[in-house]
Protein backbone atom coordinates (compact mmCIF):
# COMPACT_ATOMS: atom_id res chain seq x y z
CA MET A 1 -0.18 0.00 0.07
CA PRO A 2 1.53 3.54 -0.72
CA LYS A 3 2.00 5.69 1.57
CA PHE A 4 0.37 9.37 1.92
CA LEU A 5 3.54 11.11 1.10
CA GLU A 6 4.72 9.23 -1.61
CA MET A 7 1.50 10.26 -3.87
CA GLU A 8 2.18 12.40 -6.69
CA GLY A 9 1.20 16.04 -5.90
CA ILE A 10 1.42 15.56 -1.88
CA VAL A 11 3.72 18.45 -0.47
CA GLY A 12 5.42 18.22 3.06
CA GLU A 13 3.22 16.71 5.61
CA LEU A 14 -0.39 17.51 6.04
CA GLY A 15 -2.28 16.90 8.60
CA GLU A 16 -6.30 16.43 9.79
CA MET A 17 -7.97 19.07 7.81
CA LYS A 18 -10.26 21.37 10.71
CA ILE A 19 -13.27 23.34 8.72
CA PRO A 20 -14.18 26.29 10.85
CA LEU A 21 -17.95 25.67 11.06
CA LYS A 22 -20.56 28.98 11.10
CA LEU A 23 -22.06 29.37 14.22
CA GLU A 24 -24.80 28.35 12.98
CA ALA A 25 -24.27 25.31 11.16
CA LYS A 26 -26.86 22.82 11.16
CA PRO A 27 -26.18 19.61 9.40
CA ILE A 28 -26.84 19.54 5.33
CA LYS A 29 -27.09 17.30 3.11
CA LYS A 30 -26.40 18.09 -0.59
CA ARG A 31 -27.23 16.17 -4.07
CA PRO A 32 -24.22 15.35 -5.32
CA TYR A 33 -23.11 17.19 -8.46
CA ARG A 34 -23.48 15.60 -12.05
CA ILE A 35 -20.42 13.97 -13.19
CA ASN A 36 -19.55 14.02 -16.69
CA PRO A 37 -19.56 10.41 -17.83
CA ARG A 38 -15.69 10.80 -19.36
CA TYR A 39 -14.80 11.17 -15.80
CA LYS A 40 -16.84 8.29 -14.33
CA GLU A 41 -13.82 5.78 -14.76
CA LYS A 42 -11.41 8.63 -13.36
CA VAL A 43 -13.15 9.30 -10.41
CA LYS A 44 -13.64 5.60 -9.65
CA VAL A 45 -9.55 5.33 -9.71
CA GLU A 46 -8.94 8.38 -7.89
CA ILE A 47 -11.45 7.81 -4.85
CA ASP A 48 -10.04 4.22 -4.51
CA ARG A 49 -6.43 5.59 -4.72
CA MET A 50 -7.34 7.95 -2.07
CA LEU A 51 -9.23 5.51 0.35
CA GLU A 52 -6.03 3.07 -0.28
CA VAL A 53 -3.77 5.82 1.25
CA GLY A 54 -5.75 6.79 3.97
CA ILE A 55 -6.90 9.99 2.70
CA ILE A 56 -10.54 9.37 2.72
CA LYS A 57 -12.38 6.70 4.70
CA PRO A 58 -15.97 5.07 4.09
CA ILE A 59 -18.59 6.19 6.25
CA VAL A 60 -22.13 4.25 7.34
CA ASP A 61 -23.91 6.92 8.98
CA TYR A 62 -23.71 10.36 8.06
CA LYS A 63 -25.11 13.65 9.00
CA TRP A 64 -23.25 15.93 6.89
CA ILE A 65 -23.00 15.31 2.50
CA CYS A 66 -20.97 18.01 0.74
CA GLN A 67 -20.66 18.08 -2.86
CA MET A 68 -17.72 16.87 -4.96
CA VAL A 69 -16.07 18.77 -7.63
CA VAL A 70 -13.95 17.54 -10.25
CA HIS A 71 -11.18 19.56 -11.79
CA ASP A 72 -9.53 18.64 -15.32
CA LYS A 73 -5.91 19.28 -15.54
CA LYS A 74 -4.19 19.67 -18.85
CA SER A 75 -2.45 16.48 -18.51
CA GLY A 76 -5.53 14.83 -18.70
CA GLU A 77 -5.58 13.71 -14.98
CA ILE A 78 -8.43 14.80 -12.37
CA THR A 79 -8.32 16.54 -9.27
CA ILE A 80 -11.16 15.98 -6.92
CA CYS A 81 -12.34 18.48 -4.33
CA VAL A 82 -15.00 18.75 -1.71
CA ASP A 83 -17.34 22.24 -2.04
CA LEU A 84 -17.67 23.41 1.19
CA ARG A 85 -18.44 26.78 1.18
CA LYS A 86 -21.89 26.44 3.07
CA LEU A 87 -20.18 25.43 5.83
CA MET A 88 -17.29 27.86 6.61
CA MET A 89 -17.31 30.70 8.89
CA LEU A 90 -17.26 34.56 6.93
CA SER A 91 -14.29 36.06 7.09
């Protein structure tokens, strides 16, 4: 199993991410964005890779669901992000 820091594009030591929630934040469940069918297999491969190295983990019982955003790179690769804007504190 590859290690997290051995993954291409990972720079430095990354720890657990903390999300500063709005004070009045309540659990939300957003419908997923539609994924372009040409990305379907690439998304599956990338999610499997992130599961394998421990960036993400499967959960069964959840109260929060944020939308996944797929970005296409010029190299043909993809980057998967999560849209957390509805949860973040306003600065």
